[in-house]
Amino acid sequence: MLRLAFACSLLALTAAAPPKPDWTRTVATTATGWQIGNPKAPRRLVEYLSLNCPHCAEVSKELGPELRAAVLSGRMSWEIRPMGLFPHDAPAVFLARCVQPGRRLEFIEAYFGESASFTGRLQAAQATAAGVGKLREAAERDTGSLAVAVADLAGMKPLAARFGLTGAGYDRCLRDPAASAWFGETHRRAGQSGVSGTPTFFVDGRRLSFRSMDELRSAIFAARP
């Protein structure tokens, strides 16, 4: 009887325990970027990146799982601050903004996985008269039209569709003037912080210096609380 009562009490405690939050799906848009994770985390990572930067893609591939684990644990928050360094950065960021917040990190990781292909297709289009003509015509209309043209030539539609951005929603996302203004502001603030290249990392307000992936890993994860 005592054993049965003990088992019942354990079951009651288990049932009452709240589920652990998935901090990788806790995303807030700020004036400077996207804040991912526990807002009260003891460590704060800030990453300035371009979604089409090859080195940023390498960091995502090599350190992404470890960064995810640190965020998931609640020990570290991760603010991604996008910058515009390449012609297709703007439409990439506009699409990321439209993805459901809980899937935004997933989108960024998926984008990095295909970023080299996007760059290759856009460069190939820019080498043709038809591609140049499409971009020039779009630029003469407005910023939104240019974003749509660049995204289409780079082949971003299939990735966007995987995250629910299709048809009019896809087009509306790329033409959103609020997204353009926000992205311009994030880039301006990055410059004010002395950041001109990507990837650039800060941990708890301290800028990291690194020459290799191992040095970066050590700098980010050293002295965990």
Protein backbone atom coordinates (compact mmCIF):
# COMPACT_ATOMS: atom_id res chain seq x y z
CA MET A 1 0.00 0.00 0.00
CA LEU A 2 2.85 2.36 0.91
CA ARG A 3 4.60 1.57 -2.36
CA LEU A 4 1.41 2.27 -4.31
CA ALA A 5 0.90 5.61 -2.53
CA PHE A 6 4.51 6.61 -3.30
CA ALA A 7 4.06 5.74 -6.98
CA CYS A 8 0.84 7.75 -7.14
CA SER A 9 2.54 10.76 -5.57
CA LEU A 10 5.34 10.57 -8.17
CA LEU A 11 2.79 10.45 -10.97
CA ALA A 12 1.02 13.48 -9.53
CA LEU A 13 4.26 15.45 -9.36
CA THR A 14 5.11 14.50 -12.93
CA ALA A 15 1.70 15.52 -14.20
CA ALA A 16 1.90 18.84 -12.39
CA ALA A 17 5.38 19.74 -13.68
CA PRO A 18 5.17 22.40 -16.41
CA PRO A 19 6.80 21.56 -19.73
CA LYS A 20 10.26 23.00 -20.31
CA PRO A 21 10.19 25.92 -22.72
CA ASP A 22 11.82 25.53 -26.12
CA TRP A 23 13.87 28.70 -25.93
CA THR A 24 14.97 28.36 -29.57
CA ARG A 25 11.36 29.19 -30.51
CA THR A 26 11.15 32.19 -28.20
CA VAL A 27 11.95 35.05 -30.58
CA ALA A 28 11.36 38.77 -30.16
CA THR A 29 11.99 41.43 -32.78
CA THR A 30 14.01 44.36 -31.44
CA ALA A 31 15.22 47.62 -32.95
CA THR A 32 18.53 45.92 -33.76
CA GLY A 33 17.57 42.38 -34.73
CA TRP A 34 15.99 39.18 -33.41
CA GLN A 35 16.38 38.18 -29.77
CA ILE A 36 16.26 34.39 -29.42
CA GLY A 37 16.02 32.54 -26.14
CA ASN A 38 15.57 33.20 -22.45
CA PRO A 39 15.52 36.99 -21.91
CA LYS A 40 16.92 36.38 -18.41
CA ALA A 41 19.74 34.11 -19.55
CA PRO A 42 23.00 34.66 -17.63
CA ARG A 43 25.00 34.97 -20.87
CA ARG A 44 24.17 37.12 -23.87
CA LEU A 45 25.52 36.45 -27.36
CA VAL A 46 25.13 39.02 -30.13
CA GLU A 47 25.96 38.07 -33.71
CA TYR A 48 26.14 40.53 -36.58
CA LEU A 49 25.66 38.63 -39.80
CA SER A 50 24.76 38.78 -43.46
CA LEU A 51 22.49 36.00 -44.64
CA ASN A 52 24.63 35.64 -47.77
CA CYS A 53 28.03 35.82 -46.08
CA PRO A 54 29.96 32.55 -46.72
CA HIS A 55 31.78 32.79 -43.38
CA CYS A 56 28.48 33.27 -41.56
CA ALA A 57 27.15 30.16 -43.28
CA GLU A 58 30.24 28.27 -42.15
CA VAL A 59 29.67 29.35 -38.55
CA SER A 60 26.04 28.25 -38.79
CA LYS A 61 27.10 24.83 -40.06
CA GLU A 62 29.93 24.27 -37.61
CA LEU A 63 28.64 25.88 -34.42
CA GLY A 64 24.88 25.97 -34.99
CA PRO A 65 24.08 22.80 -33.00
CA GLU A 66 26.14 23.98 -30.02
CA LEU A 67 24.59 27.44 -30.09
CA ARG A 68 21.13 25.89 -30.28
CA ALA A 69 21.89 23.68 -27.28
CA ALA A 70 23.11 26.64 -25.22
CA VAL A 71 19.99 28.64 -26.09
CA LEU A 72 17.70 25.67 -25.49
CA SER A 73 19.14 25.21 -22.00
CA GLY A 74 18.19 28.78 -21.08
CA ARG A 75 21.81 29.60 -20.20
CA MET A 76 22.41 31.84 -23.21
CA SER A 77 20.33 34.26 -25.26
CA TRP A 78 21.32 34.93 -28.86
CA GLU A 79 20.54 38.15 -30.69
CA ILE A 80 20.96 38.00 -34.45
CA ARG A 81 21.57 41.41 -35.98
CA PRO A 82 21.32 41.31 -39.79
CA MET A 83 23.41 43.57 -42.01
CA GLY A 84 23.15 44.37 -45.70
CA LEU A 85 26.42 43.54 -47.45
CA PHE A 86 25.19 41.73 -50.56
CA PRO A 87 22.49 42.55 -53.15
CA HIS A 88 20.24 39.71 -51.97
CA ASP A 89 20.55 40.38 -48.23
CA ALA A 90 17.49 42.65 -48.19
CA PRO A 91 14.97 40.17 -49.65
CA ALA A 92 16.43 37.39 -47.49
CA VAL A 93 15.88 39.47 -44.35
CA PHE A 94 12.40 40.53 -45.47
CA LEU A 95 11.42 36.87 -45.84
CA ALA A 96 12.93 35.97 -42.47
CA ARG A 97 10.85 38.73 -40.85
CA CYS A 98 7.66 37.19 -42.25
CA VAL A 99 8.35 33.68 -40.98
CA GLN A 100 6.52 32.75 -37.78
CA PRO A 101 8.79 33.81 -34.87
CA GLY A 102 9.00 30.28 -33.53
CA ARG A 103 10.49 29.09 -36.83
CA ARG A 104 12.73 32.07 -37.56
CA LEU A 105 15.95 30.46 -36.37
CA GLU A 106 15.05 27.37 -38.39
CA PHE A 107 14.57 29.57 -41.47
CA ILE A 108 17.91 31.32 -40.98
CA GLU A 109 19.70 27.98 -40.66
CA ALA A 110 17.93 26.66 -43.77
CA TYR A 111 18.77 29.83 -45.68
CA PHE A 112 22.45 29.48 -44.83
CA GLY A 113 22.33 25.93 -46.13
CA GLU A 114 21.25 27.24 -49.54
CA SER A 115 22.91 30.65 -49.58
CA ALA A 116 25.70 29.60 -51.96
CA SER A 117 23.07 28.43 -54.47
CA PHE A 118 21.15 31.70 -54.16
CA THR A 119 24.35 33.67 -54.77
CA GLY A 120 25.27 31.53 -57.77
CA ARG A 121 21.87 31.90 -59.42
CA LEU A 122 21.79 35.66 -58.87
CA GLN A 123 25.29 36.09 -60.26
CA ALA A 124 24.38 34.01 -63.30
CA ALA A 125 21.29 36.16 -63.90
CA GLN A 126 23.34 39.34 -63.58
CA ALA A 127 25.60 38.06 -66.35
CA THR A 128 22.71 38.01 -68.85
CA ALA A 129 21.00 40.88 -70.64
CA ALA A 130 17.60 39.59 -69.55
CA GLY A 131 18.61 39.45 -65.90
CA VAL A 132 20.15 42.90 -65.92
CA GLY A 133 17.10 44.28 -67.69
CA LYS A 134 14.74 42.76 -65.11
CA LEU A 135 16.72 44.22 -62.23
CA ARG A 136 17.01 47.64 -63.86
CA GLU A 137 13.30 47.77 -64.62
CA ALA A 138 12.40 46.73 -61.07
CA ALA A 139 14.77 49.28 -59.54
CA GLU A 140 13.16 52.04 -61.59
CA ARG A 141 9.74 51.15 -60.14
CA ASP A 142 10.41 50.93 -56.40
CA THR A 143 12.37 49.18 -53.66
CA GLY A 144 9.73 46.48 -53.22
CA SER A 145 9.78 45.56 -56.90
CA LEU A 146 13.57 45.29 -56.77
CA ALA A 147 13.38 42.97 -53.75
CA VAL A 148 10.90 40.74 -55.58
CA ALA A 149 13.10 40.64 -58.69
CA VAL A 150 16.25 39.81 -56.74
CA ALA A 151 14.51 37.08 -54.72
CA ASP A 152 13.03 35.54 -57.86
CA LEU A 153 16.33 35.56 -59.78
CA ALA A 154 18.11 34.04 -56.77
CA GLY A 155 15.46 31.32 -56.53
CA MET A 156 14.23 31.97 -53.00
CA LYS A 157 10.58 31.01 -53.62
CA PRO A 158 10.85 27.28 -52.80
CA LEU A 159 12.53 27.96 -49.46
CA ALA A 160 9.96 30.63 -48.61
CA ALA A 161 7.15 28.20 -49.48
CA ARG A 162 8.52 25.63 -47.02
CA PHE A 163 7.91 28.21 -44.30
CA GLY A 164 4.41 29.15 -45.43
CA LEU A 165 5.26 32.19 -47.56
CA THR A 166 3.51 31.70 -50.89
CA GLY A 167 1.54 33.67 -53.45
CA ALA A 168 0.38 37.10 -52.35
CA GLY A 169 1.94 36.58 -48.93
CA TYR A 170 5.38 36.10 -50.46
CA ASP A 171 5.00 39.19 -52.62
CA ARG A 172 3.60 41.32 -49.79
CA CYS A 173 6.46 40.32 -47.53
CA LEU A 174 9.10 41.46 -50.03
CA ARG A 175 7.32 44.75 -50.70
CA ASP A 176 6.77 45.68 -47.04
CA PRO A 177 8.12 49.23 -46.50
CA ALA A 178 8.25 48.62 -42.74
CA ALA A 179 10.68 45.73 -43.33
CA SER A 180 12.86 47.94 -45.50
CA ALA A 181 12.93 50.70 -42.88
CA TRP A 182 13.69 48.22 -40.07
CA PHE A 183 16.52 46.59 -42.00
CA GLY A 184 18.02 49.97 -42.84
CA GLU A 185 17.95 50.88 -39.16
CA THR A 186 19.60 47.63 -38.04
CA HIS A 187 22.40 48.21 -40.55
CA ARG A 188 22.83 51.83 -39.41
CA ARG A 189 23.02 50.81 -35.76
CA ALA A 190 25.59 48.14 -36.59
CA GLY A 191 27.79 50.83 -38.09
CA GLN A 192 27.35 52.94 -34.96
CA SER A 193 28.61 49.95 -32.95
CA GLY A 194 31.78 49.86 -35.03
CA VAL A 195 30.79 46.77 -36.97
CA SER A 196 31.60 46.77 -40.68
CA GLY A 197 32.03 43.07 -41.49
CA THR A 198 30.42 39.75 -40.73
CA PRO A 199 30.35 37.60 -38.76
CA THR A 200 31.09 39.74 -35.71
CA PHE A 201 30.34 38.45 -32.22
CA PHE A 202 29.91 39.99 -28.80
CA VAL A 203 29.48 38.02 -25.57
CA ASP A 204 28.15 39.94 -22.60
CA GLY A 205 29.12 43.18 -24.33
CA ARG A 206 32.69 42.10 -25.13
CA ARG A 207 33.72 41.88 -28.78
CA LEU A 208 35.32 38.55 -29.65
CA SER A 209 38.56 38.20 -31.54
CA PHE A 210 39.16 34.92 -33.34
CA ARG A 211 41.17 33.49 -36.23
CA SER A 212 39.63 30.04 -36.48
CA MET A 213 36.44 28.17 -35.73
CA ASP A 214 38.06 26.57 -32.69
CA GLU A 215 39.04 29.98 -31.30
CA LEU A 216 35.50 31.24 -31.85
CA ARG A 217 34.02 28.18 -30.15
CA SER A 218 36.30 28.64 -27.17
CA ALA A 219 35.53 32.35 -26.91
CA ILE A 220 31.77 31.82 -27.00
CA PHE A 221 31.54 28.88 -24.65
CA ALA A 222 34.38 29.58 -22.21
CA ALA A 223 33.53 30.36 -18.60
CA ARG A 224 29.94 29.24 -18.78
CA PRO A 225 27.95 30.16 -15.68
